Amino acid sequence: QVHLVDSGGGLVEPGGSLRLSCAASGIMLKSYTMHWYRQGPGKQRELIANIFSDCFSYYDDSMKGRFSVSRNDLKNIMYLQMNSLKLENTAVYFCKTVFKSQNLWGQGTQVTVSS
């Protein structure tokens, strides 16, 4: 069936990097607008990035210059490359799309930035 699986999170020091993955089954990511969300401690889930079918990307201001979204269409995986990580980037990160008028979420992957 159709599902998204998030992975790649972990513990990283400030200034470090992580690459998150969103692997899709049952749908082709290149045919959909995809989203990355994050939910920090005590905060609501918020949209931080989009990637469209033509690979044009949108980023929240807090991500510009440090994070980037991409797709590997052969592997059917979306990535979030996270560089120069800061303490405030600690959150659970989720990928999402809309499939047949329903929100389709990954299960989330924890990113913890700590010294």
PDB file of N, CA and C in Angstrom:
ATOM      1  N   GLN A   1       0.833  -1.202   0.000  1.00  0.00           N
ATOM      2  CA  GLN A   1       0.000   0.000   0.000  1.00  0.00           C
ATOM      3  C   GLN A   1       0.868   1.252   0.000  1.00  0.00           C
ATOM      4  N   VAL A   2       0.222   2.389  -0.085  1.00  0.00           N
ATOM      5  CA  VAL A   2       0.914   3.665  -0.144  1.00  0.00           C
ATOM      6  C   VAL A   2       1.397   4.045   1.252  1.00  0.00           C
ATOM      7  N   HIS A   3       2.670   4.356   1.367  1.00  0.00           N
ATOM      8  CA  HIS A   3       3.189   4.833   2.633  1.00  0.00           C
ATOM      9  C   HIS A   3       4.508   5.563   2.436  1.00  0.00           C
ATOM     10  N   LEU A   4       4.843   6.380   3.433  1.00  0.00           N
ATOM     11  CA  LEU A   4       6.092   7.113   3.488  1.00  0.00           C
ATOM     12  C   LEU A   4       6.836   6.700   4.744  1.00  0.00           C
ATOM     13  N   VAL A   5       8.140   6.548   4.643  1.00  0.00           N
ATOM     14  CA  VAL A   5       8.973   6.145   5.770  1.00  0.00           C
ATOM     15  C   VAL A   5      10.095   7.147   5.938  1.00  0.00           C
ATOM     16  N   ASP A   6      10.132   7.799   7.104  1.00  0.00           N
ATOM     17  CA  ASP A   6      11.181   8.760   7.430  1.00  0.00           C
ATOM     18  C   ASP A   6      12.334   8.051   8.123  1.00  0.00           C
ATOM     19  N   SER A   7      13.541   8.498   7.842  1.00  0.00           N
ATOM     20  CA  SER A   7      14.713   7.940   8.497  1.00  0.00           C
ATOM     21  C   SER A   7      15.856   8.949   8.428  1.00  0.00           C
ATOM     22  N   GLY A   8      16.932   8.653   9.127  1.00  0.00           N
ATOM     23  CA  GLY A   8      18.147   9.445   9.047  1.00  0.00           C
ATOM     24  C   GLY A   8      18.398  10.373  10.216  1.00  0.00           C
ATOM     25  N   GLY A   9      17.462  10.478  11.144  1.00  0.00           N
ATOM     26  CA  GLY A   9      17.665  11.325  12.296  1.00  0.00           C
ATOM     27  C   GLY A   9      18.678  10.736  13.256  1.00  0.00           C
ATOM     28  N   GLY A  10      19.019  11.526  14.263  1.00  0.00           N
ATOM     29  CA  GLY A  10      19.972  11.077  15.260  1.00  0.00           C
ATOM     30  C   GLY A  10      20.454  12.218  16.107  1.00  0.00           C
ATOM     31  N   LEU A  11      21.491  11.948  16.867  1.00  0.00           N
ATOM     32  CA  LEU A  11      22.113  12.934  17.745  1.00  0.00           C
ATOM     33  C   LEU A  11      23.317  13.543  17.042  1.00  0.00           C
ATOM     34  N   VAL A  12      23.372  14.861  17.024  1.00  0.00           N
ATOM     35  CA  VAL A  12      24.449  15.563  16.343  1.00  0.00           C
ATOM     36  C   VAL A  12      24.840  16.795  17.146  1.00  0.00           C
ATOM     37  N   GLU A  13      26.114  17.154  17.094  1.00  0.00           N
ATOM     38  CA  GLU A  13      26.585  18.353  17.777  1.00  0.00           C
ATOM     39  C   GLU A  13      26.248  19.602  16.975  1.00  0.00           C
ATOM     40  N   PRO A  14      26.145  20.749  17.649  1.00  0.00           N
ATOM     41  CA  PRO A  14      25.940  21.995  16.904  1.00  0.00           C
ATOM     42  C   PRO A  14      27.001  22.173  15.823  1.00  0.00           C
ATOM     43  N   GLY A  15      26.554  22.604  14.661  1.00  0.00           N
ATOM     44  CA  GLY A  15      27.438  22.747  13.519  1.00  0.00           C
ATOM     45  C   GLY A  15      27.548  21.508  12.653  1.00  0.00           C
ATOM     46  N   GLY A  16      27.009  20.404  13.121  1.00  0.00           N
ATOM     47  CA  GLY A  16      27.067  19.165  12.379  1.00  0.00           C
ATOM     48  C   GLY A  16      26.009  19.075  11.305  1.00  0.00           C
ATOM     49  N   SER A  17      25.986  17.932  10.630  1.00  0.00           N
ATOM     50  CA  SER A  17      25.089  17.716   9.504  1.00  0.00           C
ATOM     51  C   SER A  17      24.378  16.380   9.617  1.00  0.00           C
ATOM     52  N   LEU A  18      23.191  16.334   9.057  1.00  0.00           N
ATOM     53  CA  LEU A  18      22.431  15.105   8.899  1.00  0.00           C
ATOM     54  C   LEU A  18      21.705  15.152   7.573  1.00  0.00           C
ATOM     55  N   ARG A  19      21.454  13.990   7.010  1.00  0.00           N
ATOM     56  CA  ARG A  19      20.601  13.886   5.840  1.00  0.00           C
ATOM     57  C   ARG A  19      19.423  12.983   6.166  1.00  0.00           C
ATOM     58  N   LEU A  20      18.240  13.565   6.136  1.00  0.00           N
ATOM     59  CA  LEU A  20      17.023  12.809   6.367  1.00  0.00           C
ATOM     60  C   LEU A  20      16.492  12.265   5.053  1.00  0.00           C
ATOM     61  N   SER A  21      15.836  11.121   5.136  1.00  0.00           N
ATOM     62  CA  SER A  21      15.264  10.487   3.962  1.00  0.00           C
ATOM     63  C   SER A  21      13.780  10.245   4.150  1.00  0.00           C
ATOM     64  N   CYS A  22      13.055  10.335   3.069  1.00  0.00           N
ATOM     65  CA  CYS A  22      11.643   9.989   3.023  1.00  0.00           C
ATOM     66  C   CYS A  22      11.472   9.039   1.853  1.00  0.00           C
ATOM     67  N   ALA A  23      11.301   7.770   2.153  1.00  0.00           N
ATOM     68  CA  ALA A  23      11.173   6.745   1.130  1.00  0.00           C
ATOM     69  C   ALA A  23       9.708   6.430   0.889  1.00  0.00           C
ATOM     70  N   ALA A  24       9.314   6.424  -0.363  1.00  0.00           N
ATOM     71  CA  ALA A  24       7.919   6.242  -0.726  1.00  0.00           C
ATOM     72  C   ALA A  24       7.677   4.876  -1.342  1.00  0.00           C
ATOM     73  N   SER A  25       6.521   4.332  -1.036  1.00  0.00           N
ATOM     74  CA  SER A  25       6.035   3.118  -1.672  1.00  0.00           C
ATOM     75  C   SER A  25       4.613   3.359  -2.145  1.00  0.00           C
ATOM     76  N   GLY A  26       4.291   2.874  -3.320  1.00  0.00           N
ATOM     77  CA  GLY A  26       2.936   2.972  -3.828  1.00  0.00           C
ATOM     78  C   GLY A  26       2.622   4.240  -4.586  1.00  0.00           C
ATOM     79  N   ILE A  27       3.480   5.242  -4.486  1.00  0.00           N
ATOM     80  CA  ILE A  27       3.338   6.474  -5.250  1.00  0.00           C
ATOM     81  C   ILE A  27       4.701   6.889  -5.756  1.00  0.00           C
ATOM     82  N   MET A  28       4.709   7.665  -6.817  1.00  0.00           N
ATOM     83  CA  MET A  28       5.943   8.224  -7.346  1.00  0.00           C
ATOM     84  C   MET A  28       6.071   9.653  -6.840  1.00  0.00           C
ATOM     85  N   LEU A  29       7.091   9.905  -6.061  1.00  0.00           N
ATOM     86  CA  LEU A  29       7.257  11.215  -5.447  1.00  0.00           C
ATOM     87  C   LEU A  29       7.394  12.323  -6.477  1.00  0.00           C
ATOM     88  N   LYS A  30       7.943  12.016  -7.618  1.00  0.00           N
ATOM     89  CA  LYS A  30       8.144  13.040  -8.635  1.00  0.00           C
ATOM     90  C   LYS A  30       6.837  13.586  -9.181  1.00  0.00           C
ATOM     91  N   SER A  31       5.733  12.908  -8.912  1.00  0.00           N
ATOM     92  CA  SER A  31       4.430  13.336  -9.395  1.00  0.00           C
ATOM     93  C   SER A  31       3.662  14.173  -8.376  1.00  0.00           C
ATOM     94  N   TYR A  32       4.243  14.409  -7.210  1.00  0.00           N
ATOM     95  CA  TYR A  32       3.554  15.081  -6.122  1.00  0.00           C
ATOM     96  C   TYR A  32       4.400  16.194  -5.539  1.00  0.00           C
ATOM     97  N   THR A  33       3.718  17.196  -5.035  1.00  0.00           N
ATOM     98  CA  THR A  33       4.383  18.161  -4.176  1.00  0.00           C
ATOM     99  C   THR A  33       4.622  17.503  -2.818  1.00  0.00           C
ATOM    100  N   MET A  34       5.856  17.533  -2.371  1.00  0.00           N
ATOM    101  CA  MET A  34       6.235  16.920  -1.113  1.00  0.00           C
ATOM    102  C   MET A  34       6.603  18.000  -0.104  1.00  0.00           C
ATOM    103  N   HIS A  35       6.444  17.666   1.152  1.00  0.00           N
ATOM    104  CA  HIS A  35       6.667  18.618   2.227  1.00  0.00           C
ATOM    105  C   HIS A  35       7.506  18.006   3.338  1.00  0.00           C
ATOM    106  N   TRP A  36       8.324  18.846   3.962  1.00  0.00           N
ATOM    107  CA  TRP A  36       8.954  18.519   5.227  1.00  0.00           C
ATOM    108  C   TRP A  36       8.365  19.397   6.323  1.00  0.00           C
ATOM    109  N   TYR A  37       8.009  18.759   7.411  1.00  0.00           N
ATOM    110  CA  TYR A  37       7.537  19.435   8.609  1.00  0.00           C
ATOM    111  C   TYR A  37       8.470  19.113   9.765  1.00  0.00           C
ATOM    112  N   ARG A  38       8.413  19.944  10.778  1.00  0.00           N
ATOM    113  CA  ARG A  38       9.112  19.630  12.014  1.00  0.00           C
ATOM    114  C   ARG A  38       8.219  19.984  13.197  1.00  0.00           C
ATOM    115  N   GLN A  39       8.437  19.298  14.278  1.00  0.00           N
ATOM    116  CA  GLN A  39       7.726  19.577  15.509  1.00  0.00           C
ATOM    117  C   GLN A  39       8.737  19.550  16.647  1.00  0.00           C
ATOM    118  N   GLY A  40       9.074  20.728  17.144  1.00  0.00           N
ATOM    119  CA  GLY A  40      10.009  20.844  18.246  1.00  0.00           C
ATOM    120  C   GLY A  40       9.328  20.622  19.577  1.00  0.00           C
ATOM    121  N   PRO A  41      10.120  20.499  20.634  1.00  0.00           N
ATOM    122  CA  PRO A  41       9.554  20.272  21.973  1.00  0.00           C
ATOM    123  C   PRO A  41       8.577  21.369  22.361  1.00  0.00           C
ATOM    124  N   GLY A  42       7.366  20.984  22.715  1.00  0.00           N
ATOM    125  CA  GLY A  42       6.361  21.933  23.144  1.00  0.00           C
ATOM    126  C   GLY A  42       5.809  22.827  22.051  1.00  0.00           C
ATOM    127  N   LYS A  43       6.069  22.489  20.802  1.00  0.00           N
ATOM    128  CA  LYS A  43       5.628  23.320  19.689  1.00  0.00           C
ATOM    129  C   LYS A  43       4.683  22.557  18.778  1.00  0.00           C
ATOM    130  N   GLN A  44       3.963  23.307  17.954  1.00  0.00           N
ATOM    131  CA  GLN A  44       3.118  22.703  16.940  1.00  0.00           C
ATOM    132  C   GLN A  44       3.956  22.264  15.743  1.00  0.00           C
ATOM    133  N   ARG A  45       3.426  21.309  15.018  1.00  0.00           N
ATOM    134  CA  ARG A  45       4.077  20.888  13.791  1.00  0.00           C
ATOM    135  C   ARG A  45       4.012  22.024  12.776  1.00  0.00           C
ATOM    136  N   GLU A  46       5.129  22.311  12.135  1.00  0.00           N
ATOM    137  CA  GLU A  46       5.192  23.424  11.210  1.00  0.00           C
ATOM    138  C   GLU A  46       5.850  23.017   9.905  1.00  0.00           C
ATOM    139  N   LEU A  47       5.363  23.603   8.837  1.00  0.00           N
ATOM    140  CA  LEU A  47       5.930  23.378   7.514  1.00  0.00           C
ATOM    141  C   LEU A  47       7.244  24.122   7.392  1.00  0.00           C
ATOM    142  N   ILE A  48       8.276  23.440   6.906  1.00  0.00           N
ATOM    143  CA  ILE A  48       9.569  24.085   6.737  1.00  0.00           C
ATOM    144  C   ILE A  48      10.077  24.060   5.307  1.00  0.00           C
ATOM    145  N   ALA A  49       9.583  23.145   4.471  1.00  0.00           N
ATOM    146  CA  ALA A  49      10.079  23.074   3.103  1.00  0.00           C
ATOM    147  C   ALA A  49       9.108  22.324   2.213  1.00  0.00           C
ATOM    148  N   ASN A  50       9.096  22.698   0.941  1.00  0.00           N
ATOM    149  CA  ASN A  50       8.365  21.987  -0.106  1.00  0.00           C
ATOM    150  C   ASN A  50       9.312  21.675  -1.249  1.00  0.00           C
ATOM    151  N   ILE A  51       9.033  20.593  -1.944  1.00  0.00           N
ATOM    152  CA  ILE A  51       9.653  20.361  -3.232  1.00  0.00           C
ATOM    153  C   ILE A  51       8.556  19.975  -4.209  1.00  0.00           C
ATOM    154  N   PHE A  52       8.545  20.655  -5.351  1.00  0.00           N
ATOM    155  CA  PHE A  52       7.514  20.460  -6.344  1.00  0.00           C
ATOM    156  C   PHE A  52       7.973  19.468  -7.405  1.00  0.00           C
ATOM    157  N   SER A  53       7.051  19.099  -8.283  1.00  0.00           N
ATOM    158  CA  SER A  53       7.360  18.084  -9.282  1.00  0.00           C
ATOM    159  C   SER A  53       8.528  18.480 -10.174  1.00  0.00           C
ATOM    160  N   ASP A  54       8.682  19.785 -10.431  1.00  0.00           N
ATOM    161  CA  ASP A  54       9.785  20.253 -11.259  1.00  0.00           C
ATOM    162  C   ASP A  54      11.068  20.480 -10.465  1.00  0.00           C
ATOM    163  N   CYS A  55      11.072  20.097  -9.193  1.00  0.00           N
ATOM    164  CA  CYS A  55      12.197  20.191  -8.266  1.00  0.00           C
ATOM    165  C   CYS A  55      12.446  21.595  -7.741  1.00  0.00           C
ATOM    166  N   PHE A  56      11.580  22.536  -8.080  1.00  0.00           N
ATOM    167  CA  PHE A  56      11.652  23.828  -7.416  1.00  0.00           C
ATOM    168  C   PHE A  56      11.317  23.645  -5.944  1.00  0.00           C
ATOM    169  N   SER A  57      12.061  24.299  -5.076  1.00  0.00           N
ATOM    170  CA  SER A  57      11.910  24.107  -3.643  1.00  0.00           C
ATOM    171  C   SER A  57      11.590  25.411  -2.938  1.00  0.00           C
ATOM    172  N   TYR A  58      10.853  25.284  -1.859  1.00  0.00           N
ATOM    173  CA  TYR A  58      10.556  26.379  -0.954  1.00  0.00           C
ATOM    174  C   TYR A  58      11.143  26.040   0.404  1.00  0.00           C
ATOM    175  N   TYR A  59      11.682  27.040   1.071  1.00  0.00           N
ATOM    176  CA  TYR A  59      12.268  26.847   2.392  1.00  0.00           C
ATOM    177  C   TYR A  59      11.792  27.931   3.337  1.00  0.00           C
ATOM    178  N   ASP A  60      11.543  27.538   4.550  1.00  0.00           N
ATOM    179  CA  ASP A  60      11.333  28.509   5.603  1.00  0.00           C
ATOM    180  C   ASP A  60      12.601  29.347   5.778  1.00  0.00           C
ATOM    181  N   ASP A  61      12.422  30.584   6.204  1.00  0.00           N
ATOM    182  CA  ASP A  61      13.569  31.479   6.348  1.00  0.00           C
ATOM    183  C   ASP A  61      14.649  30.908   7.260  1.00  0.00           C
ATOM    184  N   SER A  62      14.240  30.156   8.270  1.00  0.00           N
ATOM    185  CA  SER A  62      15.202  29.595   9.200  1.00  0.00           C
ATOM    186  C   SER A  62      16.098  28.532   8.570  1.00  0.00           C
ATOM    187  N   MET A  63      15.708  28.019   7.423  1.00  0.00           N
ATOM    188  CA  MET A  63      16.460  26.957   6.748  1.00  0.00           C
ATOM    189  C   MET A  63      17.348  27.458   5.620  1.00  0.00           C
ATOM    190  N   LYS A  64      17.060  28.625   5.113  1.00  0.00           N
ATOM    191  CA  LYS A  64      17.751  29.109   3.921  1.00  0.00           C
ATOM    192  C   LYS A  64      19.249  29.207   4.163  1.00  0.00           C
ATOM    193  N   GLY A  65      20.002  28.664   3.214  1.00  0.00           N
ATOM    194  CA  GLY A  65      21.444  28.689   3.295  1.00  0.00           C
ATOM    195  C   GLY A  65      22.039  27.539   4.069  1.00  0.00           C
ATOM    196  N   ARG A  66      21.224  26.756   4.774  1.00  0.00           N
ATOM    197  CA  ARG A  66      21.719  25.643   5.572  1.00  0.00           C
ATOM    198  C   ARG A  66      21.098  24.305   5.195  1.00  0.00           C
ATOM    199  N   PHE A  67      19.825  24.321   4.838  1.00  0.00           N
ATOM    200  CA  PHE A  67      19.108  23.089   4.505  1.00  0.00           C
ATOM    201  C   PHE A  67      18.759  23.078   3.023  1.00  0.00           C
ATOM    202  N   SER A  68      18.652  21.892   2.458  1.00  0.00           N
ATOM    203  CA  SER A  68      18.216  21.768   1.079  1.00  0.00           C
ATOM    204  C   SER A  68      17.418  20.488   0.885  1.00  0.00           C
ATOM    205  N   VAL A  69      16.427  20.561   0.009  1.00  0.00           N
ATOM    206  CA  VAL A  69      15.561  19.432  -0.303  1.00  0.00           C
ATOM    207  C   VAL A  69      15.876  18.944  -1.702  1.00  0.00           C
ATOM    208  N   SER A  70      15.870  17.641  -1.883  1.00  0.00           N
ATOM    209  CA  SER A  70      16.106  17.066  -3.196  1.00  0.00           C
ATOM    210  C   SER A  70      15.375  15.742  -3.312  1.00  0.00           C
ATOM    211  N   ARG A  71      15.315  15.209  -4.528  1.00  0.00           N
ATOM    212  CA  ARG A  71      14.739  13.893  -4.780  1.00  0.00           C
ATOM    213  C   ARG A  71      15.696  13.057  -5.606  1.00  0.00           C
ATOM    214  N   ASN A  72      15.684  11.774  -5.332  1.00  0.00           N
ATOM    215  CA  ASN A  72      16.272  10.794  -6.215  1.00  0.00           C
ATOM    216  C   ASN A  72      15.104  10.030  -6.828  1.00  0.00           C
ATOM    217  N   ASP A  73      14.785  10.344  -8.070  1.00  0.00           N
ATOM    218  CA  ASP A  73      13.587   9.777  -8.675  1.00  0.00           C
ATOM    219  C   ASP A  73      13.732   8.289  -8.982  1.00  0.00           C
ATOM    220  N   LEU A  74      14.945   7.825  -9.218  1.00  0.00           N
ATOM    221  CA  LEU A  74      15.148   6.401  -9.457  1.00  0.00           C
ATOM    222  C   LEU A  74      14.910   5.596  -8.181  1.00  0.00           C
ATOM    223  N   LYS A  75      15.323   6.137  -7.054  1.00  0.00           N
ATOM    224  CA  LYS A  75      15.124   5.469  -5.773  1.00  0.00           C
ATOM    225  C   LYS A  75      13.792   5.818  -5.127  1.00  0.00           C
ATOM    226  N   ASN A  76      13.120   6.847  -5.661  1.00  0.00           N
ATOM    227  CA  ASN A  76      11.836   7.288  -5.124  1.00  0.00           C
ATOM    228  C   ASN A  76      11.987   7.732  -3.663  1.00  0.00           C
ATOM    229  N   ILE A  77      13.003   8.531  -3.409  1.00  0.00           N
ATOM    230  CA  ILE A  77      13.315   9.020  -2.074  1.00  0.00           C
ATOM    231  C   ILE A  77      13.485  10.535  -2.123  1.00  0.00           C
ATOM    232  N   MET A  78      12.924  11.209  -1.155  1.00  0.00           N
ATOM    233  CA  MET A  78      13.147  12.624  -0.944  1.00  0.00           C
ATOM    234  C   MET A  78      14.105  12.802   0.219  1.00  0.00           C
ATOM    235  N   TYR A  79      14.979  13.796   0.110  1.00  0.00           N
ATOM    236  CA  TYR A  79      15.984  14.041   1.131  1.00  0.00           C
ATOM    237  C   TYR A  79      15.860  15.448   1.696  1.00  0.00           C
ATOM    238  N   LEU A  80      16.268  15.582   2.926  1.00  0.00           N
ATOM    239  CA  LEU A  80      16.475  16.881   3.539  1.00  0.00           C
ATOM    240  C   LEU A  80      17.901  16.905   4.068  1.00  0.00           C
ATOM    241  N   GLN A  81      18.766  17.638   3.388  1.00  0.00           N
ATOM    242  CA  GLN A  81      20.140  17.803   3.830  1.00  0.00           C
ATOM    243  C   GLN A  81      20.191  18.952   4.815  1.00  0.00           C
ATOM    244  N   MET A  82      20.691  18.682   5.997  1.00  0.00           N
ATOM    245  CA  MET A  82      20.703  19.640   7.089  1.00  0.00           C
ATOM    246  C   MET A  82      22.151  19.905   7.493  1.00  0.00           C
ATOM    247  N   ASN A  83      22.602  21.122   7.274  1.00  0.00           N
ATOM    248  CA  ASN A  83      23.964  21.521   7.599  1.00  0.00           C
ATOM    249  C   ASN A  83      23.947  22.624   8.648  1.00  0.00           C
ATOM    250  N   SER A  84      25.080  22.797   9.292  1.00  0.00           N
ATOM    251  CA  SER A  84      25.237  23.851  10.301  1.00  0.00           C
ATOM    252  C   SER A  84      24.106  23.826  11.307  1.00  0.00           C
ATOM    253  N   LEU A  85      23.849  22.655  11.841  1.00  0.00           N
ATOM    254  CA  LEU A  85      22.709  22.472  12.727  1.00  0.00           C
ATOM    255  C   LEU A  85      22.868  23.269  14.014  1.00  0.00           C
ATOM    256  N   LYS A  86      21.744  23.773  14.481  1.00  0.00           N
ATOM    257  CA  LYS A  86      21.683  24.569  15.691  1.00  0.00           C
ATOM    258  C   LYS A  86      20.824  23.872  16.733  1.00  0.00           C
ATOM    259  N   LEU A  87      20.976  24.288  17.977  1.00  0.00           N
ATOM    260  CA  LEU A  87      20.207  23.688  19.054  1.00  0.00           C
ATOM    261  C   LEU A  87      18.710  23.764  18.776  1.00  0.00           C
ATOM    262  N   GLU A  88      18.271  24.874  18.221  1.00  0.00           N
ATOM    263  CA  GLU A  88      16.849  25.063  17.971  1.00  0.00           C
ATOM    264  C   GLU A  88      16.307  24.201  16.840  1.00  0.00           C
ATOM    265  N   ASN A  89      17.170  23.495  16.128  1.00  0.00           N
ATOM    266  CA  ASN A  89      16.714  22.562  15.104  1.00  0.00           C
ATOM    267  C   ASN A  89      16.283  21.214  15.676  1.00  0.00           C
ATOM    268  N   THR A  90      16.455  21.031  16.964  1.00  0.00           N
ATOM    269  CA  THR A  90      16.000  19.804  17.601  1.00  0.00           C
ATOM    270  C   THR A  90      14.493  19.663  17.426  1.00  0.00           C
ATOM    271  N   ALA A  91      14.066  18.562  16.843  1.00  0.00           N
ATOM    272  CA  ALA A  91      12.657  18.351  16.539  1.00  0.00           C
ATOM    273  C   ALA A  91      12.479  16.966  15.953  1.00  0.00           C
ATOM    274  N   VAL A  92      11.225  16.561  15.853  1.00  0.00           N
ATOM    275  CA  VAL A  92      10.869  15.414  15.044  1.00  0.00           C
ATOM    276  C   VAL A  92      10.525  15.929  13.652  1.00  0.00           C
ATOM    277  N   TYR A  93      11.119  15.332  12.655  1.00  0.00           N
ATOM    278  CA  TYR A  93      10.923  15.755  11.278  1.00  0.00           C
ATOM    279  C   TYR A  93      10.066  14.731  10.540  1.00  0.00           C
ATOM    280  N   PHE A  94       9.085  15.235   9.796  1.00  0.00           N
ATOM    281  CA  PHE A  94       8.121  14.409   9.090  1.00  0.00           C
ATOM    282  C   PHE A  94       8.070  14.793   7.619  1.00  0.00           C
ATOM    283  N   CYS A  95       7.966  13.827   6.753  1.00  0.00           N
ATOM    284  CA  CYS A  95       7.616  14.126   5.374  1.00  0.00           C
ATOM    285  C   CYS A  95       6.121  13.919   5.180  1.00  0.00           C
ATOM    286  N   LYS A  96       5.590  14.580   4.167  1.00  0.00           N
ATOM    287  CA  LYS A  96       4.151  14.546   3.946  1.00  0.00           C
ATOM    288  C   LYS A  96       3.830  14.860   2.501  1.00  0.00           C
ATOM    289  N   THR A  97       2.758  14.276   2.014  1.00  0.00           N
ATOM    290  CA  THR A  97       2.165  14.704   0.764  1.00  0.00           C
ATOM    291  C   THR A  97       0.649  14.591   0.897  1.00  0.00           C
ATOM    292  N   VAL A  98      -0.051  14.984  -0.134  1.00  0.00           N
ATOM    293  CA  VAL A  98      -1.499  14.809  -0.199  1.00  0.00           C
ATOM    294  C   VAL A  98      -1.773  13.814  -1.309  1.00  0.00           C
ATOM    295  N   PHE A  99      -2.398  12.718  -0.955  1.00  0.00           N
ATOM    296  CA  PHE A  99      -2.676  11.638  -1.880  1.00  0.00           C
ATOM    297  C   PHE A  99      -4.170  11.362  -1.856  1.00  0.00           C
ATOM    298  N   LYS A 100      -4.808  11.564  -2.983  1.00  0.00           N
ATOM    299  CA  LYS A 100      -6.250  11.365  -3.102  1.00  0.00           C
ATOM    300  C   LYS A 100      -6.998  12.130  -2.010  1.00  0.00           C
ATOM    301  N   SER A 101      -6.633  13.379  -1.868  1.00  0.00           N
ATOM    302  CA  SER A 101      -7.260  14.322  -0.942  1.00  0.00           C
ATOM    303  C   SER A 101      -7.027  13.993   0.527  1.00  0.00           C
ATOM    304  N   GLN A 102      -6.113  13.084   0.824  1.00  0.00           N
ATOM    305  CA  GLN A 102      -5.797  12.725   2.195  1.00  0.00           C
ATOM    306  C   GLN A 102      -4.336  13.018   2.487  1.00  0.00           C
ATOM    307  N   ASN A 103      -4.073  13.527   3.683  1.00  0.00           N
ATOM    308  CA  ASN A 103      -2.698  13.733   4.108  1.00  0.00           C
ATOM    309  C   ASN A 103      -2.021  12.387   4.318  1.00  0.00           C
ATOM    310  N   LEU A 104      -0.851  12.239   3.731  1.00  0.00           N
ATOM    311  CA  LEU A 104      -0.057  11.029   3.873  1.00  0.00           C
ATOM    312  C   LEU A 104       1.248  11.416   4.552  1.00  0.00           C
ATOM    313  N   TRP A 105       1.451  10.908   5.752  1.00  0.00           N
ATOM    314  CA  TRP A 105       2.588  11.277   6.591  1.00  0.00           C
ATOM    315  C   TRP A 105       3.585  10.139   6.749  1.00  0.00           C
ATOM    316  N   GLY A 106       4.853  10.503   6.799  1.00  0.00           N
ATOM    317  CA  GLY A 106       5.834   9.591   7.338  1.00  0.00           C
ATOM    318  C   GLY A 106       5.684   9.517   8.847  1.00  0.00           C
ATOM    319  N   GLN A 107       6.359   8.554   9.457  1.00  0.00           N
ATOM    320  CA  GLN A 107       6.204   8.347  10.895  1.00  0.00           C
ATOM    321  C   GLN A 107       7.029   9.320  11.732  1.00  0.00           C
ATOM    322  N   GLY A 108       7.923  10.047  11.103  1.00  0.00           N
ATOM    323  CA  GLY A 108       8.768  11.002  11.790  1.00  0.00           C
ATOM    324  C   GLY A 108      10.112  10.409  12.177  1.00  0.00           C
ATOM    325  N   THR A 109      11.125  11.266  12.206  1.00  0.00           N
ATOM    326  CA  THR A 109      12.455  10.864  12.653  1.00  0.00           C
ATOM    327  C   THR A 109      13.017  11.966  13.545  1.00  0.00           C
ATOM    328  N   GLN A 110      13.577  11.566  14.679  1.00  0.00           N
ATOM    329  CA  GLN A 110      14.038  12.509  15.692  1.00  0.00           C
ATOM    330  C   GLN A 110      15.414  13.047  15.359  1.00  0.00           C
ATOM    331  N   VAL A 111      15.537  14.359  15.372  1.00  0.00           N
ATOM    332  CA  VAL A 111      16.822  15.039  15.259  1.00  0.00           C
ATOM    333  C   VAL A 111      17.086  15.752  16.572  1.00  0.00           C
ATOM    334  N   THR A 112      18.191  15.432  17.205  1.00  0.00           N
ATOM    335  CA  THR A 112      18.577  16.066  18.458  1.00  0.00           C
ATOM    336  C   THR A 112      19.933  16.722  18.280  1.00  0.00           C
ATOM    337  N   VAL A 113      19.973  18.031  18.471  1.00  0.00           N
ATOM    338  CA  VAL A 113      21.210  18.795  18.363  1.00  0.00           C
ATOM    339  C   VAL A 113      21.632  19.181  19.771  1.00  0.00           C
ATOM    340  N   SER A 114      22.767  18.686  20.199  1.00  0.00           N
ATOM    341  CA  SER A 114      23.213  18.900  21.564  1.00  0.00           C
ATOM    342  C   SER A 114      24.726  18.795  21.630  1.00  0.00           C
ATOM    343  N   SER A 115      25.314  19.613  22.483  1.00  0.00           N
ATOM    344  CA  SER A 115      26.745  19.542  22.744  1.00  0.00           C
ATOM    345  C   SER A 115      27.066  18.659  23.932  1.00  0.00           C
TER     346      SER A 115
END
